[in-house]
């Protein structure tokens, strides 16, 4: 079973979580440019990072806005908070790419060649599909 979180669902006030989230600036590299740059490298790689969002913890104060209400076997309603970045929220793509950029900056001394690649030579496909959604 997979729980799907719909951050576009309107609440009683007519607004959704996605309506009020700050999405951050566009950090996504141009896909065409990334593919064109492949000709400059001897090796390139493609990876599936569909579980990446589940590896990024939310700030505790923000987790309260990602709630799931679940009815147990006895009919009692239980409340859960999602504590990691959730697929299909408006801010998730920015957050994922921003984390990659931060890792590149944090580790630039240990891996000097990786910083440029992680900041300029990657493309993160965040579009939802039944095949790659969480």
C-alpha atoms as a PDB file:
ATOM      1  CA  UNK A   1       0.000   0.000   0.000  1.00  0.00           C
ATOM      2  CA  UNK A   2       1.219   3.506  -0.742  1.00  0.00           C
ATOM      3  CA  UNK A   3      -0.193   6.656   0.831  1.00  0.00           C
ATOM      4  CA  UNK A   4      -0.534   9.478  -1.685  1.00  0.00           C
ATOM      5  CA  UNK A   5      -0.459  12.958  -0.250  1.00  0.00           C
ATOM      6  CA  UNK A   6      -2.479  15.519  -2.234  1.00  0.00           C
ATOM      7  CA  UNK A   7      -1.053  18.932  -1.362  1.00  0.00           C
ATOM      8  CA  UNK A   8      -3.306  20.532  -4.012  1.00  0.00           C
ATOM      9  CA  UNK A   9      -6.503  19.494  -2.228  1.00  0.00           C
ATOM     10  CA  UNK A  10      -8.504  22.565  -1.222  1.00  0.00           C
ATOM     11  CA  UNK A  11      -9.493  22.947   2.413  1.00  0.00           C
ATOM     12  CA  UNK A  12     -12.610  24.547   3.869  1.00  0.00           C
ATOM     13  CA  UNK A  13     -11.118  28.007   3.262  1.00  0.00           C
ATOM     14  CA  UNK A  14     -10.659  27.246  -0.448  1.00  0.00           C
ATOM     15  CA  UNK A  15      -6.868  27.078  -0.290  1.00  0.00           C
ATOM     16  CA  UNK A  16      -4.481  24.148  -0.438  1.00  0.00           C
ATOM     17  CA  UNK A  17      -1.072  23.584   1.109  1.00  0.00           C
ATOM     18  CA  UNK A  18       0.487  24.127  -2.328  1.00  0.00           C
ATOM     19  CA  UNK A  19      -1.327  27.483  -2.591  1.00  0.00           C
ATOM     20  CA  UNK A  20       0.473  28.823   0.468  1.00  0.00           C
ATOM     21  CA  UNK A  21       3.880  27.116   0.248  1.00  0.00           C
ATOM     22  CA  UNK A  22       6.921  29.152  -0.679  1.00  0.00           C
ATOM     23  CA  UNK A  23       8.365  27.298  -3.658  1.00  0.00           C
ATOM     24  CA  UNK A  24      11.775  28.967  -3.763  1.00  0.00           C
ATOM     25  CA  UNK A  25      13.550  30.164  -6.892  1.00  0.00           C
ATOM     26  CA  UNK A  26      13.987  27.943  -9.942  1.00  0.00           C
ATOM     27  CA  UNK A  27      17.199  25.939  -9.451  1.00  0.00           C
ATOM     28  CA  UNK A  28      16.560  23.315 -12.119  1.00  0.00           C
ATOM     29  CA  UNK A  29      19.165  23.159 -14.853  1.00  0.00           C
ATOM     30  CA  UNK A  30      17.973  23.202 -18.454  1.00  0.00           C
ATOM     31  CA  UNK A  31      17.548  19.596 -19.620  1.00  0.00           C
ATOM     32  CA  UNK A  32      18.686  20.389 -23.152  1.00  0.00           C
ATOM     33  CA  UNK A  33      21.832  22.055 -21.850  1.00  0.00           C
ATOM     34  CA  UNK A  34      22.629  19.154 -19.559  1.00  0.00           C
ATOM     35  CA  UNK A  35      22.264  16.650 -22.402  1.00  0.00           C
ATOM     36  CA  UNK A  36      24.312  18.833 -24.774  1.00  0.00           C
ATOM     37  CA  UNK A  37      27.095  19.000 -22.192  1.00  0.00           C
ATOM     38  CA  UNK A  38      27.265  15.208 -22.136  1.00  0.00           C
ATOM     39  CA  UNK A  39      29.373  15.404 -25.281  1.00  0.00           C
ATOM     40  CA  UNK A  40      32.099  17.078 -23.221  1.00  0.00           C
ATOM     41  CA  UNK A  41      32.471  14.132 -20.839  1.00  0.00           C
ATOM     42  CA  UNK A  42      33.819  10.657 -21.333  1.00  0.00           C
ATOM     43  CA  UNK A  43      31.262   9.191 -18.925  1.00  0.00           C
ATOM     44  CA  UNK A  44      27.799  10.241 -17.835  1.00  0.00           C
ATOM     45  CA  UNK A  45      25.343   8.460 -15.601  1.00  0.00           C
ATOM     46  CA  UNK A  46      21.632   8.358 -15.031  1.00  0.00           C
ATOM     47  CA  UNK A  47      20.187   7.522 -11.645  1.00  0.00           C
ATOM     48  CA  UNK A  48      16.741   6.967 -10.218  1.00  0.00           C
ATOM     49  CA  UNK A  49      16.350   9.017  -7.060  1.00  0.00           C
ATOM     50  CA  UNK A  50      12.642   8.549  -6.473  1.00  0.00           C
ATOM     51  CA  UNK A  51      13.250   7.938  -2.764  1.00  0.00           C
ATOM     52  CA  UNK A  52      15.327  11.087  -2.368  1.00  0.00           C
ATOM     53  CA  UNK A  53      12.504  13.124  -0.827  1.00  0.00           C
ATOM     54  CA  UNK A  54      12.165  10.571   1.968  1.00  0.00           C
ATOM     55  CA  UNK A  55      15.836  11.173   2.868  1.00  0.00           C
ATOM     56  CA  UNK A  56      15.344  14.904   3.470  1.00  0.00           C
ATOM     57  CA  UNK A  57      13.997  15.739   6.910  1.00  0.00           C
ATOM     58  CA  UNK A  58      11.490  18.548   7.356  1.00  0.00           C
ATOM     59  CA  UNK A  59      11.971  21.127  10.066  1.00  0.00           C
ATOM     60  CA  UNK A  60       9.896  20.005  13.053  1.00  0.00           C
ATOM     61  CA  UNK A  61       7.740  23.138  12.999  1.00  0.00           C
ATOM     62  CA  UNK A  62       6.858  22.556   9.323  1.00  0.00           C
ATOM     63  CA  UNK A  63       5.877  18.894   9.694  1.00  0.00           C
ATOM     64  CA  UNK A  64       2.570  19.905  11.291  1.00  0.00           C
ATOM     65  CA  UNK A  65       1.388  21.155   7.891  1.00  0.00           C
ATOM     66  CA  UNK A  66       1.783  17.686   6.385  1.00  0.00           C
ATOM     67  CA  UNK A  67      -0.772  15.693   8.332  1.00  0.00           C
ATOM     68  CA  UNK A  68      -2.432  12.411   7.601  1.00  0.00           C
ATOM     69  CA  UNK A  69      -5.541  11.282   9.437  1.00  0.00           C
ATOM     70  CA  UNK A  70      -5.935   7.512   9.535  1.00  0.00           C
ATOM     71  CA  UNK A  71      -8.858   5.493  10.808  1.00  0.00           C
ATOM     72  CA  UNK A  72      -7.643   2.366  12.629  1.00  0.00           C
ATOM     73  CA  UNK A  73      -9.373  -1.026  12.892  1.00  0.00           C
ATOM     74  CA  UNK A  74     -11.470   0.201  15.834  1.00  0.00           C
ATOM     75  CA  UNK A  75     -12.663   3.250  13.911  1.00  0.00           C
ATOM     76  CA  UNK A  76     -10.545   5.668  15.935  1.00  0.00           C
ATOM     77  CA  UNK A  77      -8.857   8.472  14.038  1.00  0.00           C
ATOM     78  CA  UNK A  78      -5.094   8.668  14.400  1.00  0.00           C
ATOM     79  CA  UNK A  79      -3.075  11.701  13.363  1.00  0.00           C
ATOM     80  CA  UNK A  80       0.351  11.440  11.758  1.00  0.00           C
ATOM     81  CA  UNK A  81       2.820  14.089  10.660  1.00  0.00           C
ATOM     82  CA  UNK A  82       5.044  13.557   7.636  1.00  0.00           C
ATOM     83  CA  UNK A  83       8.559  14.420   8.748  1.00  0.00           C
ATOM     84  CA  UNK A  84      10.307  14.252   5.371  1.00  0.00           C
ATOM     85  CA  UNK A  85       9.879  16.177   2.136  1.00  0.00           C
ATOM     86  CA  UNK A  86       6.698  14.964   0.515  1.00  0.00           C
ATOM     87  CA  UNK A  87       6.288  14.236  -3.168  1.00  0.00           C
ATOM     88  CA  UNK A  88       3.786  16.482  -4.950  1.00  0.00           C
ATOM     89  CA  UNK A  89       4.204  19.472  -2.659  1.00  0.00           C
ATOM     90  CA  UNK A  90       5.010  22.659  -4.563  1.00  0.00           C
ATOM     91  CA  UNK A  91       8.257  23.206  -2.673  1.00  0.00           C
ATOM     92  CA  UNK A  92       9.665  19.654  -3.008  1.00  0.00           C
ATOM     93  CA  UNK A  93      11.606  20.135  -6.284  1.00  0.00           C
ATOM     94  CA  UNK A  94      13.346  23.265  -4.986  1.00  0.00           C
ATOM     95  CA  UNK A  95      14.166  21.568  -1.688  1.00  0.00           C
ATOM     96  CA  UNK A  96      15.639  18.480  -3.369  1.00  0.00           C
ATOM     97  CA  UNK A  97      17.861  20.463  -5.716  1.00  0.00           C
ATOM     98  CA  UNK A  98      18.863  22.867  -2.939  1.00  0.00           C
ATOM     99  CA  UNK A  99      19.979  19.914  -0.797  1.00  0.00           C
ATOM    100  CA  UNK A 100      22.123  18.607  -3.669  1.00  0.00           C
ATOM    101  CA  UNK A 101      23.703  22.060  -4.022  1.00  0.00           C
ATOM    102  CA  UNK A 102      24.390  22.221  -0.285  1.00  0.00           C
ATOM    103  CA  UNK A 103      26.049  18.805  -0.298  1.00  0.00           C
ATOM    104  CA  UNK A 104      28.197  19.941  -3.245  1.00  0.00           C
ATOM    105  CA  UNK A 105      29.298  23.035  -1.302  1.00  0.00           C
ATOM    106  CA  UNK A 106      29.853  21.156   1.955  1.00  0.00           C
ATOM    107  CA  UNK A 107      31.985  18.476   0.303  1.00  0.00           C
ATOM    108  CA  UNK A 108      33.870  20.594  -2.269  1.00  0.00           C
ATOM    109  CA  UNK A 109      37.198  20.220  -0.478  1.00  0.00           C
ATOM    110  CA  UNK A 110      36.969  16.422  -0.360  1.00  0.00           C
ATOM    111  CA  UNK A 111      35.503  16.131  -3.876  1.00  0.00           C
ATOM    112  CA  UNK A 112      36.522  19.255  -5.818  1.00  0.00           C
ATOM    113  CA  UNK A 113      35.395  17.966  -9.230  1.00  0.00           C
ATOM    114  CA  UNK A 114      31.949  17.009  -7.957  1.00  0.00           C
ATOM    115  CA  UNK A 115      30.818  20.522  -7.017  1.00  0.00           C
ATOM    116  CA  UNK A 116      30.490  21.764 -10.594  1.00  0.00           C
ATOM    117  CA  UNK A 117      28.819  18.544 -11.728  1.00  0.00           C
ATOM    118  CA  UNK A 118      26.278  18.576  -8.901  1.00  0.00           C
ATOM    119  CA  UNK A 119      25.442  22.235  -9.385  1.00  0.00           C
ATOM    120  CA  UNK A 120      25.532  22.581 -13.171  1.00  0.00           C
ATOM    121  CA  UNK A 121      25.431  19.162 -14.812  1.00  0.00           C
ATOM    122  CA  UNK A 122      22.413  17.467 -13.239  1.00  0.00           C
ATOM    123  CA  UNK A 123      18.744  17.429 -14.038  1.00  0.00           C
ATOM    124  CA  UNK A 124      16.175  16.263 -11.507  1.00  0.00           C
ATOM    125  CA  UNK A 125      12.920  15.157 -13.107  1.00  0.00           C
ATOM    126  CA  UNK A 126      10.225  15.856 -10.557  1.00  0.00           C
ATOM    127  CA  UNK A 127       7.174  15.348 -12.757  1.00  0.00           C
ATOM    128  CA  UNK A 128       4.671  12.926 -11.363  1.00  0.00           C
ATOM    129  CA  UNK A 129       4.031   9.666 -13.133  1.00  0.00           C
ATOM    130  CA  UNK A 130       2.553   6.412 -11.949  1.00  0.00           C
ATOM    131  CA  UNK A 131       5.910   4.765 -12.589  1.00  0.00           C
ATOM    132  CA  UNK A 132       8.122   7.045 -10.489  1.00  0.00           C
ATOM    133  CA  UNK A 133       5.876   8.614  -7.865  1.00  0.00           C
ATOM    134  CA  UNK A 134       6.447   7.782  -4.220  1.00  0.00           C
END
